[in-house]
Amino acid sequence: MTAKELIEALSQYPPDTPVVVRGYEGGYNDIQAITPVSIQLNVNQIWYYGAHGTNDDQINPLPEVPLTPVIYLHSYNHIAEEDWHGC
């Protein structure tokens, strides 16, 4: 999804509608931050990894795949008992 597609989709809802993402193992979290990052698209084929990654977080980095600028939506459980933010 591109920023344009996201804006178009969100524009169909009232502006005060909360936007959430899935939690770590279940439930949902609020978006805590929006950060521009560069990643490699479509490089992870193992089911428990996200499809996209970076040379730093992949099992088998693919140096021939270029980095693509993306918008990363961070989330964490802000009411969790532990003080760990896996952003």
PDB file of N, CA and C in Angstrom:
ATOM      1  N   MET A   1       0.849  -1.169   0.000  1.00  0.00           N
ATOM      2  CA  MET A   1       0.000   0.000   0.000  1.00  0.00           C
ATOM      3  C   MET A   1       0.896   1.233   0.000  1.00  0.00           C
ATOM      4  N   THR A   2       0.533   2.196  -0.778  1.00  0.00           N
ATOM      5  CA  THR A   2       1.291   3.447  -0.831  1.00  0.00           C
ATOM      6  C   THR A   2       0.657   4.479   0.099  1.00  0.00           C
ATOM      7  N   ALA A   3       1.377   5.561   0.363  1.00  0.00           N
ATOM      8  CA  ALA A   3       0.827   6.642   1.188  1.00  0.00           C
ATOM      9  C   ALA A   3      -0.447   7.185   0.563  1.00  0.00           C
ATOM     10  N   LYS A   4      -0.459   7.327  -0.764  1.00  0.00           N
ATOM     11  CA  LYS A   4      -1.652   7.832  -1.454  1.00  0.00           C
ATOM     12  C   LYS A   4      -2.850   6.905  -1.221  1.00  0.00           C
ATOM     13  N   GLU A   5      -2.630   5.598  -1.357  1.00  0.00           N
ATOM     14  CA  GLU A   5      -3.716   4.631  -1.148  1.00  0.00           C
ATOM     15  C   GLU A   5      -4.204   4.671   0.291  1.00  0.00           C
ATOM     16  N   LEU A   6      -3.282   4.801   1.248  1.00  0.00           N
ATOM     17  CA  LEU A   6      -3.663   4.871   2.652  1.00  0.00           C
ATOM     18  C   LEU A   6      -4.479   6.129   2.924  1.00  0.00           C
ATOM     19  N   ILE A   7      -4.040   7.255   2.388  1.00  0.00           N
ATOM     20  CA  ILE A   7      -4.779   8.510   2.564  1.00  0.00           C
ATOM     21  C   ILE A   7      -6.178   8.389   1.979  1.00  0.00           C
ATOM     22  N   GLU A   8      -6.289   7.826   0.786  1.00  0.00           N
ATOM     23  CA  GLU A   8      -7.600   7.652   0.152  1.00  0.00           C
ATOM     24  C   GLU A   8      -8.500   6.749   0.990  1.00  0.00           C
ATOM     25  N   ALA A   9      -7.947   5.653   1.497  1.00  0.00           N
ATOM     26  CA  ALA A   9      -8.740   4.728   2.309  1.00  0.00           C
ATOM     27  C   ALA A   9      -9.184   5.389   3.612  1.00  0.00           C
ATOM     28  N   LEU A  10      -8.267   6.086   4.278  1.00  0.00           N
ATOM     29  CA  LEU A  10      -8.600   6.720   5.555  1.00  0.00           C
ATOM     30  C   LEU A  10      -9.549   7.898   5.390  1.00  0.00           C
ATOM     31  N   SER A  11      -9.549   8.535   4.231  1.00  0.00           N
ATOM     32  CA  SER A  11     -10.416   9.695   4.017  1.00  0.00           C
ATOM     33  C   SER A  11     -11.893   9.322   3.995  1.00  0.00           C
ATOM     34  N   GLN A  12     -12.212   8.035   3.958  1.00  0.00           N
ATOM     35  CA  GLN A  12     -13.601   7.572   3.968  1.00  0.00           C
ATOM     36  C   GLN A  12     -14.175   7.489   5.383  1.00  0.00           C
ATOM     37  N   TYR A  13     -13.348   7.768   6.397  1.00  0.00           N
ATOM     38  CA  TYR A  13     -13.764   7.646   7.790  1.00  0.00           C
ATOM     39  C   TYR A  13     -13.714   9.013   8.471  1.00  0.00           C
ATOM     40  N   PRO A  14     -14.466   9.174   9.548  1.00  0.00           N
ATOM     41  CA  PRO A  14     -14.374  10.432  10.296  1.00  0.00           C
ATOM     42  C   PRO A  14     -12.942  10.662  10.784  1.00  0.00           C
ATOM     43  N   PRO A  15     -12.474  11.909  10.792  1.00  0.00           N
ATOM     44  CA  PRO A  15     -11.091  12.199  11.164  1.00  0.00           C
ATOM     45  C   PRO A  15     -10.695  11.770  12.572  1.00  0.00           C
ATOM     46  N   ASP A  16     -11.657  11.600  13.474  1.00  0.00           N
ATOM     47  CA  ASP A  16     -11.319  11.207  14.842  1.00  0.00           C
ATOM     48  C   ASP A  16     -11.375   9.689  15.055  1.00  0.00           C
ATOM     49  N   THR A  17     -11.504   8.910  13.976  1.00  0.00           N
ATOM     50  CA  THR A  17     -11.510   7.452  14.079  1.00  0.00           C
ATOM     51  C   THR A  17     -10.116   6.953  14.448  1.00  0.00           C
ATOM     52  N   PRO A  18      -9.978   6.157  15.518  1.00  0.00           N
ATOM     53  CA  PRO A  18      -8.656   5.627  15.879  1.00  0.00           C
ATOM     54  C   PRO A  18      -8.107   4.711  14.781  1.00  0.00           C
ATOM     55  N   VAL A  19      -6.790   4.697  14.626  1.00  0.00           N
ATOM     56  CA  VAL A  19      -6.103   3.806  13.694  1.00  0.00           C
ATOM     57  C   VAL A  19      -5.202   2.906  14.529  1.00  0.00           C
ATOM     58  N   VAL A  20      -5.330   1.591  14.356  1.00  0.00           N
ATOM     59  CA  VAL A  20      -4.557   0.635  15.150  1.00  0.00           C
ATOM     60  C   VAL A  20      -3.842  -0.353  14.232  1.00  0.00           C
ATOM     61  N   VAL A  21      -2.878  -1.081  14.808  1.00  0.00           N
ATOM     62  CA  VAL A  21      -2.193  -2.180  14.132  1.00  0.00           C
ATOM     63  C   VAL A  21      -2.256  -3.396  15.041  1.00  0.00           C
ATOM     64  N   ARG A  22      -2.021  -4.564  14.470  1.00  0.00           N
ATOM     65  CA  ARG A  22      -2.058  -5.792  15.268  1.00  0.00           C
ATOM     66  C   ARG A  22      -0.990  -5.764  16.342  1.00  0.00           C
ATOM     67  N   GLY A  23      -1.287  -6.374  17.481  1.00  0.00           N
ATOM     68  CA  GLY A  23      -0.321  -6.505  18.558  1.00  0.00           C
ATOM     69  C   GLY A  23       0.687  -7.600  18.264  1.00  0.00           C
ATOM     70  N   TYR A  24       1.629  -7.772  19.143  1.00  0.00           N
ATOM     71  CA  TYR A  24       2.723  -8.736  18.954  1.00  0.00           C
ATOM     72  C   TYR A  24       2.200 -10.159  18.743  1.00  0.00           C
ATOM     73  N   GLU A  25       1.388 -10.667  19.659  1.00  0.00           N
ATOM     74  CA  GLU A  25       0.836 -12.011  19.508  1.00  0.00           C
ATOM     75  C   GLU A  25      -0.670 -12.006  19.372  1.00  0.00           C
ATOM     76  N   GLY A  26      -1.306 -10.920  19.649  1.00  0.00           N
ATOM     77  CA  GLY A  26      -2.753 -10.820  19.548  1.00  0.00           C
ATOM     78  C   GLY A  26      -3.182  -9.427  19.956  1.00  0.00           C
ATOM     79  N   GLY A  27      -4.445  -9.148  19.815  1.00  0.00           N
ATOM     80  CA  GLY A  27      -4.950  -7.833  20.169  1.00  0.00           C
ATOM     81  C   GLY A  27      -4.497  -6.776  19.182  1.00  0.00           C
ATOM     82  N   TYR A  28      -4.653  -5.514  19.577  1.00  0.00           N
ATOM     83  CA  TYR A  28      -4.328  -4.386  18.713  1.00  0.00           C
ATOM     84  C   TYR A  28      -3.632  -3.307  19.524  1.00  0.00           C
ATOM     85  N   ASN A  29      -2.793  -2.515  18.877  1.00  0.00           N
ATOM     86  CA  ASN A  29      -2.088  -1.402  19.506  1.00  0.00           C
ATOM     87  C   ASN A  29      -2.326  -0.122  18.725  1.00  0.00           C
ATOM     88  N   ASP A  30      -2.222   1.000  19.434  1.00  0.00           N
ATOM     89  CA  ASP A  30      -2.238   2.291  18.773  1.00  0.00           C
ATOM     90  C   ASP A  30      -0.923   2.479  18.023  1.00  0.00           C
ATOM     91  N   ILE A  31      -0.941   3.261  16.964  1.00  0.00           N
ATOM     92  CA  ILE A  31       0.296   3.633  16.291  1.00  0.00           C
ATOM     93  C   ILE A  31       0.992   4.655  17.182  1.00  0.00           C
ATOM     94  N   GLN A  32       2.249   4.395  17.518  1.00  0.00           N
ATOM     95  CA  GLN A  32       2.995   5.251  18.433  1.00  0.00           C
ATOM     96  C   GLN A  32       3.903   6.227  17.699  1.00  0.00           C
ATOM     97  N   ALA A  33       4.370   5.866  16.495  1.00  0.00           N
ATOM     98  CA  ALA A  33       5.285   6.729  15.756  1.00  0.00           C
ATOM     99  C   ALA A  33       5.245   6.364  14.276  1.00  0.00           C
ATOM    100  N   ILE A  34       5.597   7.309  13.452  1.00  0.00           N
ATOM    101  CA  ILE A  34       5.703   7.101  12.012  1.00  0.00           C
ATOM    102  C   ILE A  34       7.111   7.518  11.617  1.00  0.00           C
ATOM    103  N   THR A  35       7.878   6.582  11.027  1.00  0.00           N
ATOM    104  CA  THR A  35       9.273   6.837  10.728  1.00  0.00           C
ATOM    105  C   THR A  35       9.601   6.443   9.293  1.00  0.00           C
ATOM    106  N   PRO A  36      10.274   7.319   8.545  1.00  0.00           N
ATOM    107  CA  PRO A  36      10.746   6.896   7.224  1.00  0.00           C
ATOM    108  C   PRO A  36      11.979   6.010   7.384  1.00  0.00           C
ATOM    109  N   VAL A  37      11.994   4.865   6.706  1.00  0.00           N
ATOM    110  CA  VAL A  37      13.137   3.945   6.708  1.00  0.00           C
ATOM    111  C   VAL A  37      13.331   3.420   5.291  1.00  0.00           C
ATOM    112  N   SER A  38      14.470   2.779   5.051  1.00  0.00           N
ATOM    113  CA  SER A  38      14.730   2.141   3.766  1.00  0.00           C
ATOM    114  C   SER A  38      14.850   0.649   3.978  1.00  0.00           C
ATOM    115  N   ILE A  39      14.125  -0.114   3.165  1.00  0.00           N
ATOM    116  CA  ILE A  39      14.114  -1.579   3.285  1.00  0.00           C
ATOM    117  C   ILE A  39      14.238  -2.212   1.905  1.00  0.00           C
ATOM    118  N   GLN A  40      14.458  -3.526   1.900  1.00  0.00           N
ATOM    119  CA  GLN A  40      14.440  -4.293   0.666  1.00  0.00           C
ATOM    120  C   GLN A  40      13.074  -4.965   0.570  1.00  0.00           C
ATOM    121  N   LEU A  41      12.421  -4.826  -0.576  1.00  0.00           N
ATOM    122  CA  LEU A  41      11.088  -5.398  -0.767  1.00  0.00           C
ATOM    123  C   LEU A  41      11.169  -6.854  -1.224  1.00  0.00           C
ATOM    124  N   ASN A  42      10.258  -7.673  -0.710  1.00  0.00           N
ATOM    125  CA  ASN A  42      10.070  -9.067  -1.153  1.00  0.00           C
ATOM    126  C   ASN A  42      11.345  -9.902  -1.097  1.00  0.00           C
ATOM    127  N   VAL A  43      11.966  -9.966   0.086  1.00  0.00           N
ATOM    128  CA  VAL A  43      13.209 -10.718   0.232  1.00  0.00           C
ATOM    129  C   VAL A  43      13.134 -11.877   1.221  1.00  0.00           C
ATOM    130  N   ASN A  44      12.097 -11.928   2.062  1.00  0.00           N
ATOM    131  CA  ASN A  44      11.984 -13.002   3.051  1.00  0.00           C
ATOM    132  C   ASN A  44      10.891 -13.978   2.653  1.00  0.00           C
ATOM    133  N   GLN A  45      11.278 -15.239   2.444  1.00  0.00           N
ATOM    134  CA  GLN A  45      10.308 -16.253   2.050  1.00  0.00           C
ATOM    135  C   GLN A  45       9.875 -17.160   3.196  1.00  0.00           C
ATOM    136  N   ILE A  46      10.460 -16.992   4.372  1.00  0.00           N
ATOM    137  CA  ILE A  46      10.092 -17.807   5.529  1.00  0.00           C
ATOM    138  C   ILE A  46       8.816 -17.220   6.127  1.00  0.00           C
ATOM    139  N   TRP A  47       7.809 -18.038   6.406  1.00  0.00           N
ATOM    140  CA  TRP A  47       6.473 -17.572   6.770  1.00  0.00           C
ATOM    141  C   TRP A  47       6.430 -16.701   8.007  1.00  0.00           C
ATOM    142  N   TYR A  48       7.329 -16.912   8.968  1.00  0.00           N
ATOM    143  CA  TYR A  48       7.252 -16.155  10.219  1.00  0.00           C
ATOM    144  C   TYR A  48       8.030 -14.846  10.181  1.00  0.00           C
ATOM    145  N   TYR A  49       8.623 -14.512   9.039  1.00  0.00           N
ATOM    146  CA  TYR A  49       9.243 -13.209   8.838  1.00  0.00           C
ATOM    147  C   TYR A  49       8.344 -12.367   7.945  1.00  0.00           C
ATOM    148  N   GLY A  50       8.397 -11.064   8.110  1.00  0.00           N
ATOM    149  CA  GLY A  50       7.713 -10.197   7.161  1.00  0.00           C
ATOM    150  C   GLY A  50       8.361 -10.342   5.791  1.00  0.00           C
ATOM    151  N   ALA A  51       7.609 -10.085   4.735  1.00  0.00           N
ATOM    152  CA  ALA A  51       8.111 -10.238   3.371  1.00  0.00           C
ATOM    153  C   ALA A  51       9.283  -9.314   3.072  1.00  0.00           C
ATOM    154  N   HIS A  52       9.342  -8.167   3.749  1.00  0.00           N
ATOM    155  CA  HIS A  52      10.360  -7.161   3.472  1.00  0.00           C
ATOM    156  C   HIS A  52      11.364  -7.106   4.612  1.00  0.00           C
ATOM    157  N   GLY A  53      12.574  -6.626   4.319  1.00  0.00           N
ATOM    158  CA  GLY A  53      13.583  -6.550   5.367  1.00  0.00           C
ATOM    159  C   GLY A  53      14.719  -5.633   4.992  1.00  0.00           C
ATOM    160  N   THR A  54      15.788  -5.720   5.763  1.00  0.00           N
ATOM    161  CA  THR A  54      17.019  -4.980   5.486  1.00  0.00           C
ATOM    162  C   THR A  54      18.167  -5.970   5.528  1.00  0.00           C
ATOM    163  N   ASN A  55      19.316  -5.561   5.052  1.00  0.00           N
ATOM    164  CA  ASN A  55      20.484  -6.450   5.125  1.00  0.00           C
ATOM    165  C   ASN A  55      20.801  -6.819   6.564  1.00  0.00           C
ATOM    166  N   ASP A  56      20.440  -5.959   7.517  1.00  0.00           N
ATOM    167  CA  ASP A  56      20.765  -6.192   8.923  1.00  0.00           C
ATOM    168  C   ASP A  56      19.875  -7.227   9.596  1.00  0.00           C
ATOM    169  N   ASP A  57      18.627  -7.394   9.124  1.00  0.00           N
ATOM    170  CA  ASP A  57      17.696  -8.269   9.848  1.00  0.00           C
ATOM    171  C   ASP A  57      17.268  -9.508   9.066  1.00  0.00           C
ATOM    172  N   GLN A  58      17.923  -9.817   7.978  1.00  0.00           N
ATOM    173  CA  GLN A  58      17.545 -10.978   7.179  1.00  0.00           C
ATOM    174  C   GLN A  58      18.447 -12.160   7.473  1.00  0.00           C
ATOM    175  N   ILE A  59      17.867 -13.356   7.311  1.00  0.00           N
ATOM    176  CA  ILE A  59      18.652 -14.584   7.457  1.00  0.00           C
ATOM    177  C   ILE A  59      19.689 -14.670   6.338  1.00  0.00           C
ATOM    178  N   ASN A  60      19.260 -14.456   5.113  1.00  0.00           N
ATOM    179  CA  ASN A  60      20.144 -14.479   3.950  1.00  0.00           C
ATOM    180  C   ASN A  60      20.045 -13.137   3.226  1.00  0.00           C
ATOM    181  N   PRO A  61      20.853 -12.149   3.613  1.00  0.00           N
ATOM    182  CA  PRO A  61      20.777 -10.836   2.967  1.00  0.00           C
ATOM    183  C   PRO A  61      20.975 -10.938   1.456  1.00  0.00           C
ATOM    184  N   LEU A  62      20.269 -10.098   0.720  1.00  0.00           N
ATOM    185  CA  LEU A  62      20.368 -10.074  -0.735  1.00  0.00           C
ATOM    186  C   LEU A  62      20.937  -8.729  -1.171  1.00  0.00           C
ATOM    187  N   PRO A  63      22.274  -8.625  -1.279  1.00  0.00           N
ATOM    188  CA  PRO A  63      22.884  -7.344  -1.596  1.00  0.00           C
ATOM    189  C   PRO A  63      22.470  -6.794  -2.953  1.00  0.00           C
ATOM    190  N   GLU A  64      21.978  -7.633  -3.850  1.00  0.00           N
ATOM    191  CA  GLU A  64      21.572  -7.169  -5.173  1.00  0.00           C
ATOM    192  C   GLU A  64      20.197  -6.489  -5.196  1.00  0.00           C
ATOM    193  N   VAL A  65      19.448  -6.590  -4.090  1.00  0.00           N
ATOM    194  CA  VAL A  65      18.127  -5.966  -4.017  1.00  0.00           C
ATOM    195  C   VAL A  65      18.288  -4.549  -3.475  1.00  0.00           C
ATOM    196  N   PRO A  66      17.814  -3.550  -4.231  1.00  0.00           N
ATOM    197  CA  PRO A  66      17.996  -2.163  -3.781  1.00  0.00           C
ATOM    198  C   PRO A  66      17.137  -1.829  -2.566  1.00  0.00           C
ATOM    199  N   LEU A  67      17.555  -0.817  -1.835  1.00  0.00           N
ATOM    200  CA  LEU A  67      16.763  -0.309  -0.721  1.00  0.00           C
ATOM    201  C   LEU A  67      15.664   0.600  -1.264  1.00  0.00           C
ATOM    202  N   THR A  68      14.469   0.496  -0.664  1.00  0.00           N
ATOM    203  CA  THR A  68      13.314   1.301  -1.056  1.00  0.00           C
ATOM    204  C   THR A  68      12.861   2.114   0.140  1.00  0.00           C
ATOM    205  N   PRO A  69      12.681   3.427  -0.013  1.00  0.00           N
ATOM    206  CA  PRO A  69      12.165   4.245   1.096  1.00  0.00           C
ATOM    207  C   PRO A  69      10.700   3.888   1.373  1.00  0.00           C
ATOM    208  N   VAL A  70      10.377   3.684   2.654  1.00  0.00           N
ATOM    209  CA  VAL A  70       9.010   3.356   3.076  1.00  0.00           C
ATOM    210  C   VAL A  70       8.661   4.141   4.338  1.00  0.00           C
ATOM    211  N   ILE A  71       7.403   4.077   4.734  1.00  0.00           N
ATOM    212  CA  ILE A  71       6.937   4.683   5.978  1.00  0.00           C
ATOM    213  C   ILE A  71       6.637   3.552   6.954  1.00  0.00           C
ATOM    214  N   TYR A  72       7.318   3.540   8.087  1.00  0.00           N
ATOM    215  CA  TYR A  72       7.163   2.495   9.092  1.00  0.00           C
ATOM    216  C   TYR A  72       6.269   3.002  10.216  1.00  0.00           C
ATOM    217  N   LEU A  73       5.170   2.293  10.469  1.00  0.00           N
ATOM    218  CA  LEU A  73       4.252   2.634  11.557  1.00  0.00           C
ATOM    219  C   LEU A  73       4.638   1.801  12.772  1.00  0.00           C
ATOM    220  N   HIS A  74       5.144   2.447  13.829  1.00  0.00           N
ATOM    221  CA  HIS A  74       5.551   1.767  15.055  1.00  0.00           C
ATOM    222  C   HIS A  74       4.346   1.571  15.972  1.00  0.00           C
ATOM    223  N   SER A  75       4.384   0.488  16.716  1.00  0.00           N
ATOM    224  CA  SER A  75       3.376   0.299  17.752  1.00  0.00           C
ATOM    225  C   SER A  75       3.961  -0.532  18.878  1.00  0.00           C
ATOM    226  N   TYR A  76       3.390  -0.371  20.045  1.00  0.00           N
ATOM    227  CA  TYR A  76       3.702  -1.211  21.191  1.00  0.00           C
ATOM    228  C   TYR A  76       2.557  -1.073  22.174  1.00  0.00           C
ATOM    229  N   ASN A  77       2.483  -1.996  23.088  1.00  0.00           N
ATOM    230  CA  ASN A  77       1.423  -1.964  24.091  1.00  0.00           C
ATOM    231  C   ASN A  77       1.815  -0.960  25.167  1.00  0.00           C
ATOM    232  N   HIS A  78       1.230   0.215  25.109  1.00  0.00           N
ATOM    233  CA  HIS A  78       1.599   1.295  26.031  1.00  0.00           C
ATOM    234  C   HIS A  78       1.103   1.072  27.461  1.00  0.00           C
ATOM    235  N   ILE A  79       0.271   0.063  27.679  1.00  0.00           N
ATOM    236  CA  ILE A  79      -0.186  -0.237  29.050  1.00  0.00           C
ATOM    237  C   ILE A  79       0.358  -1.569  29.553  1.00  0.00           C
ATOM    238  N   ALA A  80       1.334  -2.148  28.854  1.00  0.00           N
ATOM    239  CA  ALA A  80       1.919  -3.429  29.249  1.00  0.00           C
ATOM    240  C   ALA A  80       2.630  -3.307  30.585  1.00  0.00           C
ATOM    241  N   GLU A  81       2.684  -4.410  31.326  1.00  0.00           N
ATOM    242  CA  GLU A  81       3.364  -4.431  32.614  1.00  0.00           C
ATOM    243  C   GLU A  81       4.872  -4.286  32.461  1.00  0.00           C
ATOM    244  N   GLU A  82       5.449  -4.844  31.381  1.00  0.00           N
ATOM    245  CA  GLU A  82       6.887  -4.740  31.157  1.00  0.00           C
ATOM    246  C   GLU A  82       7.185  -3.451  30.412  1.00  0.00           C
ATOM    247  N   ASP A  83       8.355  -2.894  30.652  1.00  0.00           N
ATOM    248  CA  ASP A  83       8.776  -1.679  29.975  1.00  0.00           C
ATOM    249  C   ASP A  83       9.646  -2.027  28.785  1.00  0.00           C
ATOM    250  N   TRP A  84       9.040  -2.641  27.771  1.00  0.00           N
ATOM    251  CA  TRP A  84       9.767  -3.024  26.556  1.00  0.00           C
ATOM    252  C   TRP A  84       8.991  -2.530  25.362  1.00  0.00           C
ATOM    253  N   HIS A  85       9.637  -1.758  24.516  1.00  0.00           N
ATOM    254  CA  HIS A  85       8.989  -1.229  23.318  1.00  0.00           C
ATOM    255  C   HIS A  85       9.690  -1.834  22.119  1.00  0.00           C
ATOM    256  N   GLY A  86       9.129  -2.888  21.557  1.00  0.00           N
ATOM    257  CA  GLY A  86       9.741  -3.572  20.426  1.00  0.00           C
ATOM    258  C   GLY A  86       9.511  -2.874  19.107  1.00  0.00           C
ATOM    259  N   CYS A  87       9.780  -1.596  19.041  1.00  0.00           N
ATOM    260  CA  CYS A  87       9.589  -0.828  17.811  1.00  0.00           C
ATOM    261  C   CYS A  87      10.741  -1.057  16.871  1.00  0.00           C
TER     262      CYS A  87
END
